[in-house]
Amino acid sequence: MQFTTKNSPQFYVDISYANKLIYKAHDTKFLGIYLDSTVAWKIHIEQITDKLSAACYAVRSVKLKMVYYACFHSIMNYELIFWELFTQCKNV
């Protein structure tokens, strides 16, 4: 990959190995970061958007479960115990 700036003239150098031309890459992934030839963040942001969206969904759903179990589930279980005792005593 040959790095340039957006406004600089582009000079291309042909590189070969064992009489075979190595093709130029316009973008690549290096150590988990997506780079393009102008060292811009656009490709990296596009690639990680889906991962971040999935992570946000997971955090949101875990938070909702925590709220459910902390507020609703505990109250309902507590009330159901007494409701069951009350109905058993009433039927006796």
Protein backbone atom coordinates (compact mmCIF):
# COMPACT_ATOMS: atom_id res chain seq x y z
CA MET A 1 0.00 0.00 0.00
CA GLN A 2 1.32 3.40 -0.93
CA PHE A 3 0.14 6.21 1.35
CA THR A 4 -0.68 9.66 -0.02
CA THR A 5 -2.64 12.70 1.05
CA LYS A 6 -5.88 13.75 -0.58
CA ASN A 7 -4.36 16.74 -2.39
CA SER A 8 -0.94 15.36 -3.29
CA PRO A 9 -0.14 14.15 -6.81
CA GLN A 10 -0.24 10.41 -7.00
CA PHE A 11 2.93 8.60 -7.97
CA TYR A 12 2.69 4.89 -8.44
CA VAL A 13 5.62 2.54 -8.12
CA ASP A 14 5.31 -0.94 -9.59
CA ILE A 15 6.62 -3.57 -7.20
CA SER A 16 7.32 -7.10 -8.27
CA TYR A 17 8.56 -10.26 -6.63
CA ALA A 18 9.81 -13.33 -8.50
CA ASN A 19 8.89 -11.63 -11.78
CA LYS A 20 5.28 -11.24 -10.64
CA LEU A 21 3.66 -7.85 -10.20
CA ILE A 22 2.29 -7.18 -6.71
CA TYR A 23 -1.08 -5.49 -6.98
CA LYS A 24 -1.73 -2.25 -5.17
CA ALA A 25 -4.25 -2.24 -2.35
CA HIS A 26 -6.43 0.81 -1.81
CA ASP A 27 -7.31 -0.24 1.72
CA THR A 28 -6.23 -2.86 4.24
CA LYS A 29 -6.80 -4.01 7.80
CA PHE A 30 -3.74 -3.68 10.03
CA LEU A 31 -3.86 -4.61 13.73
CA GLY A 32 -7.65 -4.28 13.73
CA ILE A 33 -7.65 -0.81 12.17
CA TYR A 34 -8.83 -0.30 8.62
CA LEU A 35 -6.59 2.02 6.61
CA ASP A 36 -6.93 3.41 3.14
CA SER A 37 -4.25 4.96 0.96
CA THR A 38 -5.09 8.49 2.18
CA VAL A 39 -5.04 7.43 5.85
CA ALA A 40 -8.67 8.48 6.36
CA TRP A 41 -11.04 7.03 8.97
CA LYS A 42 -14.04 6.57 6.67
CA ILE A 43 -13.49 2.86 5.91
CA HIS A 44 -12.71 2.07 9.55
CA ILE A 45 -15.89 3.79 10.73
CA GLU A 46 -17.97 1.96 8.13
CA GLN A 47 -16.52 -1.39 9.20
CA ILE A 48 -17.05 -0.98 12.94
CA THR A 49 -20.52 0.61 12.81
CA ASP A 50 -22.28 -2.78 12.70
CA LYS A 51 -20.18 -4.13 15.57
CA LEU A 52 -20.89 -1.06 17.70
CA SER A 53 -24.59 -1.27 16.89
CA ALA A 54 -24.70 -4.90 18.02
CA ALA A 55 -22.81 -4.01 21.21
CA CYS A 56 -25.27 -1.19 21.97
CA TYR A 57 -28.19 -3.57 21.48
CA ALA A 58 -26.60 -6.10 23.85
CA VAL A 59 -26.03 -3.46 26.52
CA ARG A 60 -29.58 -2.16 26.12
CA SER A 61 -31.12 -5.63 26.39
CA VAL A 62 -29.01 -6.53 29.42
CA LYS A 63 -30.02 -3.27 31.05
CA LEU A 64 -33.70 -4.00 30.37
CA LYS A 65 -33.38 -7.47 31.88
CA MET A 66 -31.71 -6.00 34.95
CA VAL A 67 -34.53 -3.48 35.35
CA TYR A 68 -37.13 -6.21 34.87
CA TYR A 69 -35.60 -8.50 37.49
CA ALA A 70 -34.89 -5.65 39.93
CA CYS A 71 -38.32 -4.01 39.78
CA PHE A 72 -41.05 -6.17 38.28
CA HIS A 73 -39.93 -9.76 38.87
CA SER A 74 -39.06 -9.30 42.55
CA ILE A 75 -42.40 -7.61 43.30
CA MET A 76 -44.41 -10.21 41.41
CA ASN A 77 -42.62 -13.14 43.06
CA TYR A 78 -43.15 -11.61 46.49
CA GLU A 79 -46.85 -11.00 45.77
CA LEU A 80 -47.37 -14.44 44.26
CA ILE A 81 -46.11 -16.13 47.40
CA PHE A 82 -48.74 -14.39 49.47
CA TRP A 83 -51.42 -14.88 46.80
CA GLU A 84 -50.76 -18.62 46.82
CA LEU A 85 -50.91 -18.75 50.63
CA PHE A 86 -54.10 -16.73 50.62
CA THR A 87 -55.84 -18.97 48.07
CA GLN A 88 -54.76 -22.12 49.95
CA CYS A 89 -56.11 -20.76 53.24
CA LYS A 90 -59.35 -19.70 51.57
CA ASN A 91 -59.92 -23.17 50.11
CA VAL A 92 -59.39 -24.93 53.43
